[in-house]
Amino acid sequence: MELSSSSVLGFGLTYAAGKSKSGNSTDDDGSTNDIAIKSQYSLYLEPGALLSDNTLLYGKISIERGKFSATSSVPADSLSKSISGTGYGVGMRHMLDKTKFLQVELMKVGYKSFLASDNTTDIKSSTTLGTIGIGMKF
């Protein structure tokens, strides 16, 4: 949506069907956990400023949701929980022609903390994402 001759406001929805590995942890009993965020999706706004006829610099704010998953070597210790949070970032989009563009983006996402099933362990998850992509404008 064009706000003026040099500024625009974009919005959208993203969905990642796979899982993002987030690392691992070791419990007091020595068992290990593989940590991941699954089924991530976001709703976002992108206010932007045109640097030239073909190049847009934009900021991004988002509402994020997904499923936190800790898969333990001791199955009873595994955990799966829906999580939500917010994200912010910056990006640049350059039109290669009338329909194709090249994009670079950096995002920081922080999820709300929650208690594990033992009600004593506070879990806080965050991620920093860098993407480079080619897209199409319809």
N, C-alpha and C. Protein backbone atom coordinates (compact mmCIF):
# COMPACT_ATOMS: atom_id res chain seq x y z
N MET A 1 0.84 -1.16 0.00
CA MET A 1 0.00 0.00 0.00
C MET A 1 0.90 1.23 0.00
N GLU A 2 0.72 2.11 -0.96
CA GLU A 2 1.53 3.31 -1.07
C GLU A 2 0.97 4.39 -0.14
N LEU A 3 1.82 4.93 0.74
CA LEU A 3 1.42 5.99 1.65
C LEU A 3 1.70 7.36 1.06
N SER A 4 2.80 7.45 0.33
CA SER A 4 3.18 8.67 -0.37
C SER A 4 4.05 8.24 -1.55
N SER A 5 4.61 9.20 -2.27
CA SER A 5 5.45 8.84 -3.42
C SER A 5 6.75 8.16 -3.00
N SER A 6 7.13 8.28 -1.72
CA SER A 6 8.40 7.68 -1.29
C SER A 6 8.25 6.72 -0.10
N SER A 7 7.01 6.42 0.33
CA SER A 7 6.84 5.50 1.46
C SER A 7 5.69 4.54 1.19
N VAL A 8 5.83 3.33 1.74
CA VAL A 8 4.84 2.27 1.55
C VAL A 8 4.62 1.55 2.87
N LEU A 9 3.51 0.83 2.96
CA LEU A 9 3.23 -0.02 4.11
C LEU A 9 2.83 -1.38 3.58
N GLY A 10 3.63 -2.39 3.92
CA GLY A 10 3.32 -3.76 3.51
C GLY A 10 2.83 -4.55 4.71
N PHE A 11 2.13 -5.63 4.44
CA PHE A 11 1.69 -6.52 5.50
C PHE A 11 1.64 -7.93 4.92
N GLY A 12 1.68 -8.92 5.81
CA GLY A 12 1.66 -10.28 5.30
C GLY A 12 1.62 -11.32 6.38
N LEU A 13 1.65 -12.56 5.95
CA LEU A 13 1.61 -13.72 6.82
C LEU A 13 2.66 -14.70 6.31
N THR A 14 3.44 -15.26 7.21
CA THR A 14 4.41 -16.28 6.83
C THR A 14 4.12 -17.56 7.62
N TYR A 15 4.51 -18.70 7.05
CA TYR A 15 4.35 -19.99 7.71
C TYR A 15 5.54 -20.87 7.35
N ALA A 16 6.14 -21.49 8.35
CA ALA A 16 7.24 -22.42 8.13
C ALA A 16 6.76 -23.81 8.56
N ALA A 17 6.58 -24.71 7.60
CA ALA A 17 6.02 -26.03 7.87
C ALA A 17 6.98 -26.95 8.62
N GLY A 18 8.25 -26.73 8.50
CA GLY A 18 9.24 -27.61 9.14
C GLY A 18 9.52 -27.20 10.57
N LYS A 19 10.72 -27.53 11.03
CA LYS A 19 11.12 -27.14 12.37
C LYS A 19 12.48 -26.46 12.32
N SER A 20 12.67 -25.50 13.21
CA SER A 20 13.95 -24.80 13.33
C SER A 20 14.67 -25.35 14.54
N LYS A 21 15.77 -26.05 14.29
CA LYS A 21 16.55 -26.56 15.42
C LYS A 21 17.11 -25.39 16.21
N SER A 22 16.95 -25.45 17.52
CA SER A 22 17.38 -24.36 18.38
C SER A 22 18.51 -24.74 19.31
N GLY A 23 18.98 -25.98 19.25
CA GLY A 23 20.08 -26.39 20.10
C GLY A 23 19.71 -27.61 20.93
N ASN A 24 20.40 -27.76 22.06
CA ASN A 24 20.11 -28.87 22.96
C ASN A 24 20.43 -28.47 24.38
N SER A 25 19.97 -29.30 25.32
CA SER A 25 20.23 -29.05 26.74
C SER A 25 20.45 -30.38 27.43
N THR A 26 21.02 -30.32 28.63
CA THR A 26 21.25 -31.52 29.43
C THR A 26 20.57 -31.33 30.78
N ASP A 27 19.74 -32.30 31.17
CA ASP A 27 19.04 -32.25 32.46
C ASP A 27 19.98 -32.67 33.58
N ASP A 28 19.54 -32.45 34.83
CA ASP A 28 20.32 -32.83 36.00
C ASP A 28 20.63 -34.32 36.04
N ASP A 29 19.73 -35.14 35.47
CA ASP A 29 19.94 -36.59 35.49
C ASP A 29 20.83 -37.07 34.34
N GLY A 30 21.35 -36.13 33.53
CA GLY A 30 22.25 -36.48 32.44
C GLY A 30 21.56 -36.71 31.11
N SER A 31 20.24 -36.71 31.08
CA SER A 31 19.54 -36.90 29.81
C SER A 31 19.67 -35.66 28.95
N THR A 32 19.68 -35.86 27.64
CA THR A 32 19.83 -34.73 26.72
C THR A 32 18.50 -34.44 26.01
N ASN A 33 18.32 -33.19 25.64
CA ASN A 33 17.11 -32.73 24.97
C ASN A 33 17.49 -32.02 23.68
N ASP A 34 16.83 -32.37 22.58
CA ASP A 34 16.96 -31.62 21.33
C ASP A 34 15.85 -30.59 21.32
N ILE A 35 16.21 -29.32 21.16
CA ILE A 35 15.25 -28.21 21.23
C ILE A 35 14.95 -27.72 19.82
N ALA A 36 13.66 -27.47 19.53
CA ALA A 36 13.26 -26.96 18.22
C ALA A 36 11.98 -26.13 18.36
N ILE A 37 11.75 -25.27 17.39
CA ILE A 37 10.49 -24.55 17.25
C ILE A 37 9.85 -25.10 15.98
N LYS A 38 8.61 -25.58 16.09
CA LYS A 38 7.90 -26.19 14.96
C LYS A 38 6.72 -25.32 14.55
N SER A 39 6.28 -25.49 13.32
CA SER A 39 5.05 -24.85 12.80
C SER A 39 4.99 -23.37 13.13
N GLN A 40 6.06 -22.65 12.80
CA GLN A 40 6.12 -21.21 13.08
C GLN A 40 5.27 -20.44 12.08
N TYR A 41 4.56 -19.43 12.57
CA TYR A 41 3.89 -18.50 11.67
C TYR A 41 3.89 -17.11 12.26
N SER A 42 3.76 -16.11 11.40
CA SER A 42 3.79 -14.73 11.86
C SER A 42 2.86 -13.88 11.01
N LEU A 43 2.37 -12.84 11.62
CA LEU A 43 1.59 -11.80 10.97
C LEU A 43 2.42 -10.53 11.13
N TYR A 44 2.68 -9.80 10.03
CA TYR A 44 3.63 -8.70 10.13
C TYR A 44 3.19 -7.45 9.36
N LEU A 45 3.78 -6.33 9.77
CA LEU A 45 3.68 -5.04 9.08
C LEU A 45 5.08 -4.62 8.67
N GLU A 46 5.19 -4.02 7.46
CA GLU A 46 6.49 -3.56 6.93
C GLU A 46 6.37 -2.12 6.44
N PRO A 47 6.61 -1.14 7.30
CA PRO A 47 6.68 0.23 6.79
C PRO A 47 8.02 0.42 6.08
N GLY A 48 7.97 1.06 4.90
CA GLY A 48 9.20 1.19 4.12
C GLY A 48 9.34 2.53 3.44
N ALA A 49 10.57 2.81 3.05
CA ALA A 49 10.90 4.05 2.33
C ALA A 49 11.64 3.68 1.05
N LEU A 50 11.23 4.26 -0.05
CA LEU A 50 11.90 4.01 -1.32
C LEU A 50 13.22 4.76 -1.36
N LEU A 51 14.30 4.01 -1.60
CA LEU A 51 15.62 4.63 -1.73
C LEU A 51 15.86 5.06 -3.18
N SER A 52 15.20 4.34 -4.11
CA SER A 52 15.24 4.66 -5.54
C SER A 52 13.98 4.06 -6.15
N ASP A 53 13.82 4.18 -7.45
CA ASP A 53 12.64 3.59 -8.10
C ASP A 53 12.59 2.08 -7.93
N ASN A 54 13.75 1.43 -7.71
CA ASN A 54 13.80 -0.04 -7.65
C ASN A 54 14.16 -0.61 -6.28
N THR A 55 14.49 0.24 -5.30
CA THR A 55 14.99 -0.27 -4.03
C THR A 55 14.19 0.28 -2.85
N LEU A 56 13.78 -0.64 -1.98
CA LEU A 56 12.99 -0.31 -0.80
C LEU A 56 13.74 -0.74 0.46
N LEU A 57 13.85 0.16 1.42
CA LEU A 57 14.37 -0.14 2.75
C LEU A 57 13.17 -0.20 3.68
N TYR A 58 13.03 -1.27 4.47
CA TYR A 58 11.84 -1.39 5.31
C TYR A 58 12.19 -1.90 6.70
N GLY A 59 11.34 -1.56 7.64
CA GLY A 59 11.36 -2.12 8.98
C GLY A 59 10.27 -3.18 9.04
N LYS A 60 10.34 -4.03 10.05
CA LYS A 60 9.34 -5.09 10.14
C LYS A 60 9.01 -5.33 11.61
N ILE A 61 7.72 -5.38 11.92
CA ILE A 61 7.27 -5.77 13.26
C ILE A 61 6.28 -6.92 13.08
N SER A 62 6.33 -7.89 13.99
CA SER A 62 5.51 -9.09 13.78
C SER A 62 5.00 -9.66 15.09
N ILE A 63 3.92 -10.40 14.96
CA ILE A 63 3.39 -11.24 16.03
C ILE A 63 3.73 -12.67 15.61
N GLU A 64 4.37 -13.42 16.50
CA GLU A 64 4.90 -14.74 16.17
C GLU A 64 4.21 -15.83 17.01
N ARG A 65 4.02 -16.99 16.41
CA ARG A 65 3.47 -18.15 17.10
C ARG A 65 4.19 -19.41 16.60
N GLY A 66 4.20 -20.44 17.44
CA GLY A 66 4.82 -21.70 17.06
C GLY A 66 4.66 -22.71 18.17
N LYS A 67 5.35 -23.83 18.02
CA LYS A 67 5.31 -24.88 19.04
C LYS A 67 6.74 -25.19 19.47
N PHE A 68 7.02 -24.94 20.76
CA PHE A 68 8.31 -25.25 21.37
C PHE A 68 8.34 -26.75 21.61
N SER A 69 9.44 -27.40 21.22
CA SER A 69 9.54 -28.85 21.37
C SER A 69 10.91 -29.20 21.96
N ALA A 70 10.89 -29.94 23.06
CA ALA A 70 12.10 -30.50 23.65
C ALA A 70 11.95 -32.02 23.62
N THR A 71 12.72 -32.69 22.76
CA THR A 71 12.65 -34.14 22.63
C THR A 71 13.79 -34.72 23.45
N SER A 72 13.45 -35.43 24.51
CA SER A 72 14.43 -35.93 25.47
C SER A 72 14.84 -37.37 25.16
N SER A 73 16.07 -37.72 25.59
CA SER A 73 16.51 -39.11 25.49
C SER A 73 15.73 -39.98 26.47
N VAL A 74 15.07 -39.35 27.45
CA VAL A 74 14.13 -40.03 28.35
C VAL A 74 12.74 -39.56 27.92
N PRO A 75 11.98 -40.40 27.19
CA PRO A 75 10.70 -39.95 26.60
C PRO A 75 9.76 -39.24 27.58
N ALA A 76 9.72 -39.63 28.83
CA ALA A 76 8.82 -39.00 29.80
C ALA A 76 9.20 -37.54 30.06
N ASP A 77 10.44 -37.17 29.75
CA ASP A 77 10.90 -35.78 29.98
C ASP A 77 10.66 -34.87 28.78
N SER A 78 10.15 -35.41 27.67
CA SER A 78 9.91 -34.59 26.48
C SER A 78 8.81 -33.57 26.76
N LEU A 79 8.84 -32.46 26.02
CA LEU A 79 7.91 -31.35 26.25
C LEU A 79 7.52 -30.74 24.92
N SER A 80 6.26 -30.39 24.78
CA SER A 80 5.77 -29.68 23.61
C SER A 80 4.77 -28.65 24.10
N LYS A 81 4.96 -27.38 23.70
CA LYS A 81 4.10 -26.31 24.20
C LYS A 81 3.96 -25.23 23.15
N SER A 82 2.74 -24.73 22.95
CA SER A 82 2.51 -23.59 22.05
C SER A 82 3.12 -22.34 22.67
N ILE A 83 3.79 -21.54 21.84
CA ILE A 83 4.42 -20.32 22.32
C ILE A 83 4.05 -19.15 21.41
N SER A 84 4.18 -17.95 21.95
CA SER A 84 3.92 -16.74 21.15
C SER A 84 4.91 -15.67 21.55
N GLY A 85 5.07 -14.68 20.69
CA GLY A 85 6.00 -13.59 20.98
C GLY A 85 5.91 -12.52 19.91
N THR A 86 6.94 -11.70 19.88
CA THR A 86 7.00 -10.60 18.91
C THR A 86 8.36 -10.58 18.23
N GLY A 87 8.39 -9.97 17.06
CA GLY A 87 9.63 -9.85 16.32
C GLY A 87 9.79 -8.46 15.74
N TYR A 88 11.02 -8.11 15.44
CA TYR A 88 11.33 -6.85 14.77
C TYR A 88 12.54 -7.05 13.89
N GLY A 89 12.62 -6.24 12.85
CA GLY A 89 13.74 -6.41 11.96
C GLY A 89 13.83 -5.30 10.93
N VAL A 90 14.76 -5.51 10.00
CA VAL A 90 15.00 -4.55 8.93
C VAL A 90 15.34 -5.34 7.67
N GLY A 91 15.00 -4.77 6.52
CA GLY A 91 15.29 -5.46 5.28
C GLY A 91 15.41 -4.51 4.11
N MET A 92 15.87 -5.06 3.00
CA MET A 92 15.99 -4.29 1.76
C MET A 92 15.50 -5.17 0.62
N ARG A 93 14.69 -4.58 -0.25
CA ARG A 93 14.14 -5.29 -1.40
C ARG A 93 14.49 -4.50 -2.66
N HIS A 94 15.08 -5.19 -3.64
CA HIS A 94 15.47 -4.53 -4.89
C HIS A 94 14.77 -5.23 -6.05
N MET A 95 13.99 -4.47 -6.83
CA MET A 95 13.28 -5.03 -7.99
C MET A 95 14.28 -5.28 -9.11
N LEU A 96 14.32 -6.53 -9.61
CA LEU A 96 15.19 -6.90 -10.71
C LEU A 96 14.54 -6.56 -12.05
N ASP A 97 13.22 -6.69 -12.09
CA ASP A 97 12.40 -6.27 -13.23
C ASP A 97 11.00 -5.97 -12.69
N LYS A 98 9.98 -5.96 -13.52
CA LYS A 98 8.64 -5.58 -13.05
C LYS A 98 8.02 -6.58 -12.09
N THR A 99 8.45 -7.84 -12.10
CA THR A 99 7.82 -8.86 -11.25
C THR A 99 8.77 -9.56 -10.28
N LYS A 100 10.07 -9.56 -10.51
CA LYS A 100 11.01 -10.30 -9.66
C LYS A 100 11.82 -9.34 -8.79
N PHE A 101 12.08 -9.79 -7.54
CA PHE A 101 12.90 -8.97 -6.65
C PHE A 101 13.88 -9.82 -5.86
N LEU A 102 14.93 -9.18 -5.41
CA LEU A 102 15.94 -9.76 -4.52
C LEU A 102 15.73 -9.11 -3.16
N GLN A 103 15.79 -9.91 -2.09
CA GLN A 103 15.51 -9.38 -0.75
C GLN A 103 16.55 -9.88 0.25
N VAL A 104 16.93 -9.02 1.18
CA VAL A 104 17.81 -9.35 2.30
C VAL A 104 17.10 -8.86 3.56
N GLU A 105 17.06 -9.70 4.61
CA GLU A 105 16.33 -9.33 5.82
C GLU A 105 17.01 -9.88 7.05
N LEU A 106 16.96 -9.13 8.15
CA LEU A 106 17.46 -9.56 9.46
C LEU A 106 16.35 -9.36 10.47
N MET A 107 16.00 -10.43 11.21
CA MET A 107 14.90 -10.40 12.18
C MET A 107 15.36 -10.93 13.53
N LYS A 108 14.82 -10.35 14.59
CA LYS A 108 15.02 -10.83 15.97
C LYS A 108 13.63 -11.17 16.51
N VAL A 109 13.45 -12.40 16.99
CA VAL A 109 12.17 -12.85 17.53
C VAL A 109 12.37 -13.29 18.97
N GLY A 110 11.52 -12.80 19.85
CA GLY A 110 11.54 -13.21 21.26
C GLY A 110 10.19 -13.78 21.65
N TYR A 111 10.21 -14.97 22.24
CA TYR A 111 8.98 -15.61 22.68
C TYR A 111 8.78 -15.40 24.18
N LYS A 112 7.52 -15.40 24.62
CA LYS A 112 7.22 -15.27 26.05
C LYS A 112 7.75 -16.49 26.79
N SER A 113 8.22 -16.29 28.00
CA SER A 113 8.73 -17.42 28.79
C SER A 113 7.55 -18.23 29.35
N PHE A 114 7.82 -19.47 29.69
CA PHE A 114 6.81 -20.33 30.29
C PHE A 114 7.50 -21.32 31.22
N LEU A 115 6.71 -21.93 32.10
CA LEU A 115 7.24 -22.92 33.03
C LEU A 115 7.14 -24.31 32.42
N ALA A 116 8.19 -25.09 32.62
CA ALA A 116 8.17 -26.49 32.17
C ALA A 116 7.19 -27.27 33.05
N SER A 117 6.95 -28.52 32.71
CA SER A 117 5.97 -29.33 33.44
C SER A 117 6.33 -29.54 34.91
N ASP A 118 7.61 -29.32 35.29
CA ASP A 118 8.00 -29.44 36.70
C ASP A 118 7.62 -28.19 37.51
N ASN A 119 7.10 -27.17 36.83
CA ASN A 119 6.68 -25.89 37.44
C ASN A 119 7.80 -25.15 38.15
N THR A 120 9.05 -25.48 37.88
CA THR A 120 10.17 -24.76 38.48
C THR A 120 11.14 -24.22 37.43
N THR A 121 11.18 -24.85 36.26
CA THR A 121 12.11 -24.46 35.21
C THR A 121 11.47 -23.44 34.28
N ASP A 122 12.03 -22.22 34.26
CA ASP A 122 11.53 -21.16 33.40
C ASP A 122 12.23 -21.27 32.04
N ILE A 123 11.45 -21.38 30.97
CA ILE A 123 12.00 -21.55 29.63
C ILE A 123 11.74 -20.29 28.82
N LYS A 124 12.79 -19.73 28.26
CA LYS A 124 12.70 -18.53 27.43
C LYS A 124 13.41 -18.83 26.12
N SER A 125 12.72 -18.58 25.00
CA SER A 125 13.28 -18.89 23.70
C SER A 125 13.32 -17.63 22.84
N SER A 126 14.38 -17.48 22.06
CA SER A 126 14.48 -16.37 21.11
C SER A 126 15.32 -16.84 19.93
N THR A 127 15.22 -16.11 18.83
CA THR A 127 16.00 -16.46 17.66
C THR A 127 16.34 -15.21 16.86
N THR A 128 17.44 -15.25 16.16
CA THR A 128 17.83 -14.20 15.22
C THR A 128 17.93 -14.86 13.85
N LEU A 129 17.23 -14.28 12.87
CA LEU A 129 17.17 -14.87 11.53
C LEU A 129 17.74 -13.92 10.50
N GLY A 130 18.53 -14.42 9.61
CA GLY A 130 19.00 -13.67 8.46
C GLY A 130 18.57 -14.41 7.21
N THR A 131 17.93 -13.72 6.28
CA THR A 131 17.48 -14.38 5.06
C THR A 131 17.89 -13.59 3.82
N ILE A 132 18.15 -14.34 2.77
CA ILE A 132 18.38 -13.77 1.43
C ILE A 132 17.46 -14.53 0.51
N GLY A 133 16.71 -13.82 -0.32
CA GLY A 133 15.76 -14.52 -1.16
C GLY A 133 15.44 -13.82 -2.45
N ILE A 134 14.83 -14.56 -3.35
CA ILE A 134 14.31 -14.03 -4.59
C ILE A 134 12.81 -14.25 -4.55
N GLY A 135 12.04 -13.23 -4.92
CA GLY A 135 10.59 -13.34 -4.86
C GLY A 135 9.92 -12.78 -6.09
N MET A 136 8.60 -12.89 -6.09
CA MET A 136 7.80 -12.37 -7.20
C MET A 136 6.72 -11.45 -6.65
N LYS A 137 6.46 -10.39 -7.36
CA LYS A 137 5.41 -9.44 -7.04
C LYS A 137 4.26 -9.70 -8.00
N PHE A 138 3.06 -9.82 -7.46
CA PHE A 138 1.89 -10.10 -8.30
C PHE A 138 1.05 -8.87 -8.49
